[in-house]
């Protein structure tokens, strides 16, 4: 998960952990890219589009190249460009149950394709 607002990051992480998801958090683009280089076994990502005012295009590119699904959970959905357009888009704020349903659906669909 990449989210630059700590309170939102905690809320998303707790929502995902409640269904036994292993959550790796990054608060900056640099931290996200570092964590991506550390491991490659991700099933899904939840990303805010703007991190400290910068688009998370390099992170979206990483997931697109590896065919790993991602959710863009953002307040600026109309500004999304590039490979980030290929993710599922959810507008902030969203009900935690809706986020979980979307995440579960994406993981299930991706697993079925393999």
PDB file of N, CA and C in Angstrom:
ATOM      1  N   UNK A   1       0.833  -1.156   0.000  1.00  0.00           N
ATOM      2  CA  UNK A   1       0.000   0.000   0.000  1.00  0.00           C
ATOM      3  C   UNK A   1       0.890   1.235   0.000  1.00  0.00           C
ATOM      4  N   UNK A   2       0.541   2.181  -0.831  1.00  0.00           N
ATOM      5  CA  UNK A   2       1.271   3.445  -0.869  1.00  0.00           C
ATOM      6  C   UNK A   2       0.269   4.562  -0.586  1.00  0.00           C
ATOM      7  N   UNK A   3       0.476   5.247   0.510  1.00  0.00           N
ATOM      8  CA  UNK A   3      -0.426   6.318   0.942  1.00  0.00           C
ATOM      9  C   UNK A   3       0.383   7.295   1.775  1.00  0.00           C
ATOM     10  N   UNK A   4       0.303   8.592   1.422  1.00  0.00           N
ATOM     11  CA  UNK A   4       1.103   9.589   2.134  1.00  0.00           C
ATOM     12  C   UNK A   4       0.386  10.226   3.324  1.00  0.00           C
ATOM     13  N   UNK A   5      -0.869   9.906   3.532  1.00  0.00           N
ATOM     14  CA  UNK A   5      -1.597  10.420   4.686  1.00  0.00           C
ATOM     15  C   UNK A   5      -1.613   9.317   5.751  1.00  0.00           C
ATOM     16  N   UNK A   6      -0.853   9.488   6.829  1.00  0.00           N
ATOM     17  CA  UNK A   6      -0.716   8.419   7.828  1.00  0.00           C
ATOM     18  C   UNK A   6      -2.036   7.874   8.374  1.00  0.00           C
ATOM     19  N   UNK A   7      -2.999   8.743   8.635  1.00  0.00           N
ATOM     20  CA  UNK A   7      -4.277   8.270   9.187  1.00  0.00           C
ATOM     21  C   UNK A   7      -5.001   7.393   8.179  1.00  0.00           C
ATOM     22  N   UNK A   8      -4.993   7.793   6.915  1.00  0.00           N
ATOM     23  CA  UNK A   8      -5.625   6.990   5.868  1.00  0.00           C
ATOM     24  C   UNK A   8      -4.870   5.673   5.708  1.00  0.00           C
ATOM     25  N   UNK A   9      -3.542   5.734   5.766  1.00  0.00           N
ATOM     26  CA  UNK A   9      -2.726   4.521   5.642  1.00  0.00           C
ATOM     27  C   UNK A   9      -3.067   3.523   6.747  1.00  0.00           C
ATOM     28  N   UNK A  10      -3.202   4.001   7.961  1.00  0.00           N
ATOM     29  CA  UNK A  10      -3.547   3.122   9.083  1.00  0.00           C
ATOM     30  C   UNK A  10      -4.931   2.512   8.866  1.00  0.00           C
ATOM     31  N   UNK A  11      -5.885   3.322   8.425  1.00  0.00           N
ATOM     32  CA  UNK A  11      -7.242   2.811   8.190  1.00  0.00           C
ATOM     33  C   UNK A  11      -7.245   1.713   7.132  1.00  0.00           C
ATOM     34  N   UNK A  12      -6.547   1.937   6.031  1.00  0.00           N
ATOM     35  CA  UNK A  12      -6.494   0.939   4.964  1.00  0.00           C
ATOM     36  C   UNK A  12      -5.786  -0.319   5.465  1.00  0.00           C
ATOM     37  N   UNK A  13      -4.670  -0.140   6.131  1.00  0.00           N
ATOM     38  CA  UNK A  13      -3.909  -1.290   6.634  1.00  0.00           C
ATOM     39  C   UNK A  13      -4.751  -2.116   7.603  1.00  0.00           C
ATOM     40  N   UNK A  14      -5.439  -1.474   8.510  1.00  0.00           N
ATOM     41  CA  UNK A  14      -6.270  -2.198   9.476  1.00  0.00           C
ATOM     42  C   UNK A  14      -7.421  -2.916   8.783  1.00  0.00           C
ATOM     43  N   UNK A  15      -8.010  -2.294   7.777  1.00  0.00           N
ATOM     44  CA  UNK A  15      -9.085  -2.928   7.015  1.00  0.00           C
ATOM     45  C   UNK A  15      -8.582  -4.202   6.354  1.00  0.00           C
ATOM     46  N   UNK A  16      -7.417  -4.131   5.743  1.00  0.00           N
ATOM     47  CA  UNK A  16      -6.868  -5.300   5.050  1.00  0.00           C
ATOM     48  C   UNK A  16      -6.382  -6.368   6.028  1.00  0.00           C
ATOM     49  N   UNK A  17      -5.786  -5.945   7.120  1.00  0.00           N
ATOM     50  CA  UNK A  17      -5.309  -6.908   8.122  1.00  0.00           C
ATOM     51  C   UNK A  17      -6.463  -7.652   8.783  1.00  0.00           C
ATOM     52  N   UNK A  18      -7.639  -7.035   8.815  1.00  0.00           N
ATOM     53  CA  UNK A  18      -8.804  -7.673   9.432  1.00  0.00           C
ATOM     54  C   UNK A  18      -9.215  -8.946   8.684  1.00  0.00           C
ATOM     55  N   UNK A  19      -8.793  -9.065   7.431  1.00  0.00           N
ATOM     56  CA  UNK A  19      -9.078 -10.286   6.658  1.00  0.00           C
ATOM     57  C   UNK A  19      -7.790 -11.082   6.441  1.00  0.00           C
ATOM     58  N   UNK A  20      -6.848 -10.893   7.353  1.00  0.00           N
ATOM     59  CA  UNK A  20      -5.581 -11.634   7.369  1.00  0.00           C
ATOM     60  C   UNK A  20      -4.666 -11.362   6.181  1.00  0.00           C
ATOM     61  N   UNK A  21      -4.803 -10.188   5.570  1.00  0.00           N
ATOM     62  CA  UNK A  21      -3.877  -9.806   4.502  1.00  0.00           C
ATOM     63  C   UNK A  21      -2.567  -9.359   5.130  1.00  0.00           C
ATOM     64  N   UNK A  22      -1.474  -9.698   4.475  1.00  0.00           N
ATOM     65  CA  UNK A  22      -0.168  -9.191   4.897  1.00  0.00           C
ATOM     66  C   UNK A  22      -0.012  -7.831   4.215  1.00  0.00           C
ATOM     67  N   UNK A  23       0.195  -6.796   4.988  1.00  0.00           N
ATOM     68  CA  UNK A  23       0.216  -5.433   4.452  1.00  0.00           C
ATOM     69  C   UNK A  23       1.610  -4.841   4.613  1.00  0.00           C
ATOM     70  N   UNK A  24       2.118  -4.312   3.518  1.00  0.00           N
ATOM     71  CA  UNK A  24       3.397  -3.597   3.520  1.00  0.00           C
ATOM     72  C   UNK A  24       3.076  -2.159   3.129  1.00  0.00           C
ATOM     73  N   UNK A  25       3.423  -1.222   3.999  1.00  0.00           N
ATOM     74  CA  UNK A  25       3.071   0.186   3.794  1.00  0.00           C
ATOM     75  C   UNK A  25       4.271   1.018   3.370  1.00  0.00           C
ATOM     76  N   UNK A  26       4.010   1.983   2.511  1.00  0.00           N
ATOM     77  CA  UNK A  26       5.012   2.977   2.137  1.00  0.00           C
ATOM     78  C   UNK A  26       4.321   4.340   2.155  1.00  0.00           C
ATOM     79  N   UNK A  27       4.998   5.324   2.723  1.00  0.00           N
ATOM     80  CA  UNK A  27       4.440   6.671   2.816  1.00  0.00           C
ATOM     81  C   UNK A  27       4.989   7.615   1.758  1.00  0.00           C
ATOM     82  N   UNK A  28       6.043   7.194   1.038  1.00  0.00           N
ATOM     83  CA  UNK A  28       6.641   8.018  -0.014  1.00  0.00           C
ATOM     84  C   UNK A  28       6.859   7.162  -1.258  1.00  0.00           C
ATOM     85  N   UNK A  29       7.049   7.815  -2.387  1.00  0.00           N
ATOM     86  CA  UNK A  29       7.349   7.079  -3.621  1.00  0.00           C
ATOM     87  C   UNK A  29       8.687   6.357  -3.511  1.00  0.00           C
ATOM     88  N   UNK A  30       9.659   7.021  -2.912  1.00  0.00           N
ATOM     89  CA  UNK A  30      10.973   6.412  -2.763  1.00  0.00           C
ATOM     90  C   UNK A  30      10.906   5.141  -1.915  1.00  0.00           C
ATOM     91  N   UNK A  31      10.164   5.214  -0.829  1.00  0.00           N
ATOM     92  CA  UNK A  31      10.009   4.045   0.031  1.00  0.00           C
ATOM     93  C   UNK A  31       9.275   2.931  -0.717  1.00  0.00           C
ATOM     94  N   UNK A  32       8.262   3.289  -1.479  1.00  0.00           N
ATOM     95  CA  UNK A  32       7.517   2.283  -2.249  1.00  0.00           C
ATOM     96  C   UNK A  32       8.425   1.579  -3.247  1.00  0.00           C
ATOM     97  N   UNK A  33       9.217   2.333  -3.985  1.00  0.00           N
ATOM     98  CA  UNK A  33      10.110   1.729  -4.977  1.00  0.00           C
ATOM     99  C   UNK A  33      11.173   0.859  -4.307  1.00  0.00           C
ATOM    100  N   UNK A  34      11.666   1.286  -3.160  1.00  0.00           N
ATOM    101  CA  UNK A  34      12.630   0.478  -2.419  1.00  0.00           C
ATOM    102  C   UNK A  34      11.996  -0.846  -1.994  1.00  0.00           C
ATOM    103  N   UNK A  35      10.792  -0.773  -1.459  1.00  0.00           N
ATOM    104  CA  UNK A  35      10.103  -1.989  -1.005  1.00  0.00           C
ATOM    105  C   UNK A  35       9.784  -2.919  -2.177  1.00  0.00           C
ATOM    106  N   UNK A  36       9.484  -2.354  -3.329  1.00  0.00           N
ATOM    107  CA  UNK A  36       9.218  -3.196  -4.505  1.00  0.00           C
ATOM    108  C   UNK A  36      10.463  -3.967  -4.908  1.00  0.00           C
ATOM    109  N   UNK A  37      11.613  -3.346  -4.756  1.00  0.00           N
ATOM    110  CA  UNK A  37      12.871  -4.030  -5.087  1.00  0.00           C
ATOM    111  C   UNK A  37      13.216  -5.123  -4.079  1.00  0.00           C
ATOM    112  N   UNK A  38      12.669  -5.025  -2.870  1.00  0.00           N
ATOM    113  CA  UNK A  38      12.958  -6.007  -1.819  1.00  0.00           C
ATOM    114  C   UNK A  38      12.291  -7.351  -2.062  1.00  0.00           C
ATOM    115  N   UNK A  39      11.108  -7.338  -2.632  1.00  0.00           N
ATOM    116  CA  UNK A  39      10.343  -8.577  -2.804  1.00  0.00           C
ATOM    117  C   UNK A  39       9.461  -8.469  -4.038  1.00  0.00           C
ATOM    118  N   UNK A  40       8.974  -9.613  -4.489  1.00  0.00           N
ATOM    119  CA  UNK A  40       8.184  -9.628  -5.723  1.00  0.00           C
ATOM    120  C   UNK A  40       6.948 -10.509  -5.614  1.00  0.00           C
ATOM    121  N   UNK A  41       6.509 -10.842  -4.427  1.00  0.00           N
ATOM    122  CA  UNK A  41       5.390 -11.771  -4.268  1.00  0.00           C
ATOM    123  C   UNK A  41       4.073 -11.076  -3.911  1.00  0.00           C
ATOM    124  N   UNK A  42       3.852  -9.909  -4.441  1.00  0.00           N
ATOM    125  CA  UNK A  42       2.640  -9.162  -4.139  1.00  0.00           C
ATOM    126  C   UNK A  42       1.443  -9.757  -4.871  1.00  0.00           C
ATOM    127  N   UNK A  43       0.291  -9.774  -4.203  1.00  0.00           N
ATOM    128  CA  UNK A  43      -0.946 -10.241  -4.825  1.00  0.00           C
ATOM    129  C   UNK A  43      -1.792  -9.067  -5.290  1.00  0.00           C
ATOM    130  N   UNK A  44      -1.600  -7.906  -4.657  1.00  0.00           N
ATOM    131  CA  UNK A  44      -2.435  -6.742  -4.928  1.00  0.00           C
ATOM    132  C   UNK A  44      -1.783  -5.517  -4.288  1.00  0.00           C
ATOM    133  N   UNK A  45      -2.046  -4.360  -4.860  1.00  0.00           N
ATOM    134  CA  UNK A  45      -1.585  -3.107  -4.258  1.00  0.00           C
ATOM    135  C   UNK A  45      -2.746  -2.132  -4.158  1.00  0.00           C
ATOM    136  N   UNK A  46      -2.701  -1.298  -3.129  1.00  0.00           N
ATOM    137  CA  UNK A  46      -3.634  -0.184  -2.971  1.00  0.00           C
ATOM    138  C   UNK A  46      -2.774   1.062  -2.967  1.00  0.00           C
ATOM    139  N   UNK A  47      -3.033   1.949  -3.917  1.00  0.00           N
ATOM    140  CA  UNK A  47      -2.179   3.124  -4.119  1.00  0.00           C
ATOM    141  C   UNK A  47      -2.994   4.406  -4.129  1.00  0.00           C
ATOM    142  N   UNK A  48      -2.464   5.423  -3.515  1.00  0.00           N
ATOM    143  CA  UNK A  48      -2.997   6.762  -3.726  1.00  0.00           C
ATOM    144  C   UNK A  48      -2.300   7.279  -4.984  1.00  0.00           C
ATOM    145  N   UNK A  49      -3.006   8.005  -5.828  1.00  0.00           N
ATOM    146  CA  UNK A  49      -2.390   8.458  -7.075  1.00  0.00           C
ATOM    147  C   UNK A  49      -1.336   9.535  -6.837  1.00  0.00           C
ATOM    148  N   UNK A  50      -1.635  10.487  -5.976  1.00  0.00           N
ATOM    149  CA  UNK A  50      -0.673  11.555  -5.695  1.00  0.00           C
ATOM    150  C   UNK A  50      -0.032  11.312  -4.337  1.00  0.00           C
ATOM    151  N   UNK A  51       1.275  11.162  -4.338  1.00  0.00           N
ATOM    152  CA  UNK A  51       2.045  10.971  -3.116  1.00  0.00           C
ATOM    153  C   UNK A  51       2.944  12.192  -2.970  1.00  0.00           C
ATOM    154  N   UNK A  52       2.696  12.968  -1.936  1.00  0.00           N
ATOM    155  CA  UNK A  52       3.403  14.245  -1.752  1.00  0.00           C
ATOM    156  C   UNK A  52       3.318  15.106  -3.007  1.00  0.00           C
ATOM    157  N   UNK A  53       2.145  15.095  -3.639  1.00  0.00           N
ATOM    158  CA  UNK A  53       1.902  15.913  -4.820  1.00  0.00           C
ATOM    159  C   UNK A  53       2.440  15.355  -6.126  1.00  0.00           C
ATOM    160  N   UNK A  54       3.084  14.171  -6.077  1.00  0.00           N
ATOM    161  CA  UNK A  54       3.649  13.572  -7.291  1.00  0.00           C
ATOM    162  C   UNK A  54       2.867  12.317  -7.682  1.00  0.00           C
ATOM    163  N   UNK A  55       2.586  12.153  -8.981  1.00  0.00           N
ATOM    164  CA  UNK A  55       1.891  10.944  -9.427  1.00  0.00           C
ATOM    165  C   UNK A  55       2.724   9.695  -9.144  1.00  0.00           C
ATOM    166  N   UNK A  56       2.051   8.605  -8.834  1.00  0.00           N
ATOM    167  CA  UNK A  56       2.758   7.360  -8.512  1.00  0.00           C
ATOM    168  C   UNK A  56       2.972   6.494  -9.758  1.00  0.00           C
ATOM    169  N   UNK A  57       3.186   7.123 -10.904  1.00  0.00           N
ATOM    170  CA  UNK A  57       3.393   6.404 -12.162  1.00  0.00           C
ATOM    171  C   UNK A  57       4.477   5.326 -12.089  1.00  0.00           C
ATOM    172  N   UNK A  58       5.639   5.568 -11.481  1.00  0.00           N
ATOM    173  CA  UNK A  58       6.660   4.507 -11.444  1.00  0.00           C
ATOM    174  C   UNK A  58       6.181   3.260 -10.693  1.00  0.00           C
ATOM    175  N   UNK A  59       5.364   3.446  -9.673  1.00  0.00           N
ATOM    176  CA  UNK A  59       4.843   2.316  -8.911  1.00  0.00           C
ATOM    177  C   UNK A  59       3.802   1.573  -9.752  1.00  0.00           C
ATOM    178  N   UNK A  60       2.911   2.312 -10.404  1.00  0.00           N
ATOM    179  CA  UNK A  60       1.930   1.681 -11.294  1.00  0.00           C
ATOM    180  C   UNK A  60       2.645   0.913 -12.400  1.00  0.00           C
ATOM    181  N   UNK A  61       3.677   1.507 -12.992  1.00  0.00           N
ATOM    182  CA  UNK A  61       4.443   0.830 -14.045  1.00  0.00           C
ATOM    183  C   UNK A  61       4.974  -0.511 -13.552  1.00  0.00           C
ATOM    184  N   UNK A  62       5.512  -0.544 -12.336  1.00  0.00           N
ATOM    185  CA  UNK A  62       6.074  -1.765 -11.766  1.00  0.00           C
ATOM    186  C   UNK A  62       5.013  -2.859 -11.694  1.00  0.00           C
ATOM    187  N   UNK A  63       3.820  -2.512 -11.202  1.00  0.00           N
ATOM    188  CA  UNK A  63       2.749  -3.496 -11.080  1.00  0.00           C
ATOM    189  C   UNK A  63       2.205  -3.923 -12.445  1.00  0.00           C
ATOM    190  N   UNK A  64       2.067  -2.987 -13.364  1.00  0.00           N
ATOM    191  CA  UNK A  64       1.568  -3.327 -14.705  1.00  0.00           C
ATOM    192  C   UNK A  64       2.518  -4.298 -15.393  1.00  0.00           C
ATOM    193  N   UNK A  65       3.813  -4.037 -15.339  1.00  0.00           N
ATOM    194  CA  UNK A  65       4.797  -4.913 -15.993  1.00  0.00           C
ATOM    195  C   UNK A  65       4.746  -6.332 -15.443  1.00  0.00           C
ATOM    196  N   UNK A  66       4.381  -6.484 -14.188  1.00  0.00           N
ATOM    197  CA  UNK A  66       4.348  -7.805 -13.556  1.00  0.00           C
ATOM    198  C   UNK A  66       2.941  -8.406 -13.516  1.00  0.00           C
ATOM    199  N   UNK A  67       1.997  -7.692 -14.112  1.00  0.00           N
ATOM    200  CA  UNK A  67       0.597  -8.132 -14.173  1.00  0.00           C
ATOM    201  C   UNK A  67       0.014  -8.397 -12.785  1.00  0.00           C
ATOM    202  N   UNK A  68       0.353  -7.508 -11.868  1.00  0.00           N
ATOM    203  CA  UNK A  68      -0.175  -7.579 -10.505  1.00  0.00           C
ATOM    204  C   UNK A  68      -1.267  -6.504 -10.406  1.00  0.00           C
ATOM    205  N   UNK A  69      -2.464  -6.900  -9.983  1.00  0.00           N
ATOM    206  CA  UNK A  69      -3.560  -5.921  -9.930  1.00  0.00           C
ATOM    207  C   UNK A  69      -3.331  -4.859  -8.860  1.00  0.00           C
ATOM    208  N   UNK A  70      -3.916  -3.701  -9.114  1.00  0.00           N
ATOM    209  CA  UNK A  70      -3.821  -2.630  -8.120  1.00  0.00           C
ATOM    210  C   UNK A  70      -5.069  -1.778  -8.128  1.00  0.00           C
ATOM    211  N   UNK A  71      -5.322  -1.191  -6.979  1.00  0.00           N
ATOM    212  CA  UNK A  71      -6.442  -0.281  -6.780  1.00  0.00           C
ATOM    213  C   UNK A  71      -5.870   1.100  -6.547  1.00  0.00           C
ATOM    214  N   UNK A  72      -6.367   2.069  -7.292  1.00  0.00           N
ATOM    215  CA  UNK A  72      -6.021   3.464  -7.031  1.00  0.00           C
ATOM    216  C   UNK A  72      -7.134   4.029  -6.171  1.00  0.00           C
ATOM    217  N   UNK A  73      -6.796   4.334  -4.937  1.00  0.00           N
ATOM    218  CA  UNK A  73      -7.722   4.856  -3.951  1.00  0.00           C
ATOM    219  C   UNK A  73      -7.354   6.319  -3.786  1.00  0.00           C
ATOM    220  N   UNK A  74      -8.076   7.186  -4.490  1.00  0.00           N
ATOM    221  CA  UNK A  74      -7.604   8.560  -4.608  1.00  0.00           C
ATOM    222  C   UNK A  74      -8.750   9.556  -4.649  1.00  0.00           C
ATOM    223  N   UNK A  75      -8.433  10.776  -4.290  1.00  0.00           N
ATOM    224  CA  UNK A  75      -9.393  11.868  -4.375  1.00  0.00           C
ATOM    225  C   UNK A  75      -9.301  12.632  -5.678  1.00  0.00           C
ATOM    226  N   UNK A  76      -8.401  12.234  -6.555  1.00  0.00           N
ATOM    227  CA  UNK A  76      -8.202  12.955  -7.826  1.00  0.00           C
ATOM    228  C   UNK A  76      -8.305  11.994  -9.015  1.00  0.00           C
ATOM    229  N   UNK A  77      -9.336  11.179  -9.032  1.00  0.00           N
ATOM    230  CA  UNK A  77      -9.456  10.162 -10.078  1.00  0.00           C
ATOM    231  C   UNK A  77      -9.496  10.758 -11.484  1.00  0.00           C
ATOM    232  N   UNK A  78     -10.005  11.970 -11.625  1.00  0.00           N
ATOM    233  CA  UNK A  78     -10.087  12.584 -12.959  1.00  0.00           C
ATOM    234  C   UNK A  78      -8.718  13.024 -13.488  1.00  0.00           C
ATOM    235  N   UNK A  79      -7.680  13.019 -12.663  1.00  0.00           N
ATOM    236  CA  UNK A  79      -6.338  13.423 -13.087  1.00  0.00           C
ATOM    237  C   UNK A  79      -5.436  12.249 -13.466  1.00  0.00           C
ATOM    238  N   UNK A  80      -5.888  11.026 -13.270  1.00  0.00           N
ATOM    239  CA  UNK A  80      -5.037   9.847 -13.456  1.00  0.00           C
ATOM    240  C   UNK A  80      -4.660   9.675 -14.919  1.00  0.00           C
ATOM    241  N   UNK A  81      -3.368   9.437 -15.128  1.00  0.00           N
ATOM    242  CA  UNK A  81      -2.831   9.283 -16.482  1.00  0.00           C
ATOM    243  C   UNK A  81      -1.913   8.069 -16.528  1.00  0.00           C
ATOM    244  N   UNK A  82      -1.424   7.758 -17.717  1.00  0.00           N
ATOM    245  CA  UNK A  82      -0.416   6.719 -17.894  1.00  0.00           C
ATOM    246  C   UNK A  82      -0.880   5.349 -17.444  1.00  0.00           C
ATOM    247  N   UNK A  83       0.074   4.535 -17.002  1.00  0.00           N
ATOM    248  CA  UNK A  83      -0.227   3.164 -16.606  1.00  0.00           C
ATOM    249  C   UNK A  83      -1.135   3.103 -15.382  1.00  0.00           C
ATOM    250  N   UNK A  84      -1.221   4.170 -14.637  1.00  0.00           N
ATOM    251  CA  UNK A  84      -2.101   4.182 -13.467  1.00  0.00           C
ATOM    252  C   UNK A  84      -3.574   4.071 -13.876  1.00  0.00           C
ATOM    253  N   UNK A  85      -3.883   4.409 -15.117  1.00  0.00           N
ATOM    254  CA  UNK A  85      -5.268   4.259 -15.598  1.00  0.00           C
ATOM    255  C   UNK A  85      -5.684   2.795 -15.666  1.00  0.00           C
ATOM    256  N   UNK A  86      -4.711   1.871 -15.650  1.00  0.00           N
ATOM    257  CA  UNK A  86      -5.008   0.446 -15.797  1.00  0.00           C
ATOM    258  C   UNK A  86      -5.465  -0.219 -14.499  1.00  0.00           C
ATOM    259  N   UNK A  87      -5.384   0.486 -13.402  1.00  0.00           N
ATOM    260  CA  UNK A  87      -5.844  -0.059 -12.126  1.00  0.00           C
ATOM    261  C   UNK A  87      -7.334   0.168 -11.938  1.00  0.00           C
ATOM    262  N   UNK A  88      -7.876  -0.470 -10.933  1.00  0.00           N
ATOM    263  CA  UNK A  88      -9.263  -0.233 -10.539  1.00  0.00           C
ATOM    264  C   UNK A  88      -9.290   1.063  -9.736  1.00  0.00           C
ATOM    265  N   UNK A  89     -10.220   1.942 -10.036  1.00  0.00           N
ATOM    266  CA  UNK A  89     -10.254   3.254  -9.389  1.00  0.00           C
ATOM    267  C   UNK A  89     -11.386   3.329  -8.376  1.00  0.00           C
ATOM    268  N   UNK A  90     -11.040   3.718  -7.155  1.00  0.00           N
ATOM    269  CA  UNK A  90     -12.014   3.972  -6.094  1.00  0.00           C
ATOM    270  C   UNK A  90     -11.776   5.373  -5.557  1.00  0.00           C
ATOM    271  N   UNK A  91     -12.849   6.145  -5.447  1.00  0.00           N
ATOM    272  CA  UNK A  91     -12.738   7.527  -4.978  1.00  0.00           C
ATOM    273  C   UNK A  91     -12.729   7.575  -3.457  1.00  0.00           C
ATOM    274  N   UNK A  92     -11.797   8.361  -2.905  1.00  0.00           N
ATOM    275  CA  UNK A  92     -11.775   8.612  -1.462  1.00  0.00           C
ATOM    276  C   UNK A  92     -12.954   9.496  -1.107  1.00  0.00           C
ATOM    277  N   UNK A  93     -13.569   9.331  -0.001  1.00  0.00           N
ATOM    278  CA  UNK A  93     -13.471   8.188   0.895  1.00  0.00           C
ATOM    279  C   UNK A  93     -14.361   7.056   0.387  1.00  0.00           C
ATOM    280  N   UNK A  94     -14.015   5.846   0.753  1.00  0.00           N
ATOM    281  CA  UNK A  94     -14.813   4.691   0.371  1.00  0.00           C
ATOM    282  C   UNK A  94     -15.070   3.845   1.622  1.00  0.00           C
ATOM    283  N   UNK A  95     -16.195   3.201   1.629  1.00  0.00           N
ATOM    284  CA  UNK A  95     -16.532   2.312   2.727  1.00  0.00           C
ATOM    285  C   UNK A  95     -15.506   1.183   2.780  1.00  0.00           C
ATOM    286  N   UNK A  96     -14.983   0.844   3.946  1.00  0.00           N
ATOM    287  CA  UNK A  96     -13.993  -0.240   4.047  1.00  0.00           C
ATOM    288  C   UNK A  96     -14.466  -1.559   3.437  1.00  0.00           C
ATOM    289  N   UNK A  97     -15.762  -1.860   3.568  1.00  0.00           N
ATOM    290  CA  UNK A  97     -16.284  -3.093   2.970  1.00  0.00           C
ATOM    291  C   UNK A  97     -16.177  -3.066   1.446  1.00  0.00           C
ATOM    292  N   UNK A  98     -16.385  -1.896   0.852  1.00  0.00           N
ATOM    293  CA  UNK A  98     -16.259  -1.762  -0.602  1.00  0.00           C
ATOM    294  C   UNK A  98     -14.810  -1.964  -1.040  1.00  0.00           C
ATOM    295  N   UNK A  99     -13.877  -1.423  -0.270  1.00  0.00           N
ATOM    296  CA  UNK A  99     -12.461  -1.621  -0.569  1.00  0.00           C
ATOM    297  C   UNK A  99     -12.107  -3.106  -0.490  1.00  0.00           C
ATOM    298  N   UNK A 100     -12.585  -3.784   0.540  1.00  0.00           N
ATOM    299  CA  UNK A 100     -12.308  -5.216   0.685  1.00  0.00           C
ATOM    300  C   UNK A 100     -12.914  -6.026  -0.457  1.00  0.00           C
ATOM    301  N   UNK A 101     -14.150  -5.718  -0.827  1.00  0.00           N
ATOM    302  CA  UNK A 101     -14.783  -6.440  -1.947  1.00  0.00           C
ATOM    303  C   UNK A 101     -13.994  -6.258  -3.230  1.00  0.00           C
ATOM    304  N   UNK A 102     -13.573  -5.036  -3.486  1.00  0.00           N
ATOM    305  CA  UNK A 102     -12.797  -4.759  -4.700  1.00  0.00           C
ATOM    306  C   UNK A 102     -11.475  -5.516  -4.672  1.00  0.00           C
ATOM    307  N   UNK A 103     -10.801  -5.506  -3.529  1.00  0.00           N
ATOM    308  CA  UNK A 103      -9.521  -6.206  -3.404  1.00  0.00           C
ATOM    309  C   UNK A 103      -9.707  -7.708  -3.598  1.00  0.00           C
ATOM    310  N   UNK A 104     -10.699  -8.275  -2.947  1.00  0.00           N
ATOM    311  CA  UNK A 104     -10.948  -9.712  -3.074  1.00  0.00           C
ATOM    312  C   UNK A 104     -11.301 -10.084  -4.514  1.00  0.00           C
ATOM    313  N   UNK A 105     -12.121  -9.267  -5.167  1.00  0.00           N
ATOM    314  CA  UNK A 105     -12.491  -9.541  -6.559  1.00  0.00           C
ATOM    315  C   UNK A 105     -11.267  -9.518  -7.469  1.00  0.00           C
ATOM    316  N   UNK A 106     -10.411  -8.523  -7.297  1.00  0.00           N
ATOM    317  CA  UNK A 106      -9.210  -8.433  -8.138  1.00  0.00           C
ATOM    318  C   UNK A 106      -8.275  -9.621  -7.928  1.00  0.00           C
ATOM    319  N   UNK A 107      -8.081 -10.017  -6.691  1.00  0.00           N
ATOM    320  CA  UNK A 107      -7.216 -11.160  -6.415  1.00  0.00           C
ATOM    321  C   UNK A 107      -7.819 -12.427  -7.010  1.00  0.00           C
ATOM    322  N   UNK A 108      -9.112 -12.616  -6.852  1.00  0.00           N
ATOM    323  CA  UNK A 108      -9.785 -13.799  -7.391  1.00  0.00           C
ATOM    324  C   UNK A 108      -9.706 -13.846  -8.924  1.00  0.00           C
ATOM    325  N   UNK A 109      -9.971 -12.743  -9.572  1.00  0.00           N
ATOM    326  CA  UNK A 109      -9.928 -12.681 -11.041  1.00  0.00           C
ATOM    327  C   UNK A 109      -8.510 -12.968 -11.542  1.00  0.00           C
ATOM    328  N   UNK A 110      -7.526 -12.380 -10.884  1.00  0.00           N
ATOM    329  CA  UNK A 110      -6.140 -12.585 -11.295  1.00  0.00           C
ATOM    330  C   UNK A 110      -5.729 -14.039 -11.110  1.00  0.00           C
ATOM    331  N   UNK A 111      -6.122 -14.645 -10.008  1.00  0.00           N
ATOM    332  CA  UNK A 111      -5.787 -16.058  -9.751  1.00  0.00           C
ATOM    333  C   UNK A 111      -6.432 -16.963 -10.793  1.00  0.00           C
ATOM    334  N   UNK A 112      -7.641 -16.638 -11.213  1.00  0.00           N
ATOM    335  CA  UNK A 112      -8.356 -17.451 -12.195  1.00  0.00           C
ATOM    336  C   UNK A 112      -7.676 -17.394 -13.571  1.00  0.00           C
ATOM    337  N   UNK A 113      -6.998 -16.307 -13.863  1.00  0.00           N
ATOM    338  CA  UNK A 113      -6.320 -16.130 -15.157  1.00  0.00           C
ATOM    339  C   UNK A 113      -5.008 -16.904 -15.243  1.00  0.00           C
ATOM    340  N   UNK A 114      -4.472 -17.298 -14.091  1.00  0.00           N
ATOM    341  CA  UNK A 114      -3.157 -17.943 -14.080  1.00  0.00           C
ATOM    342  C   UNK A 114      -3.261 -19.421 -14.338  1.00  0.00           C
TER     343      UNK A 114
END
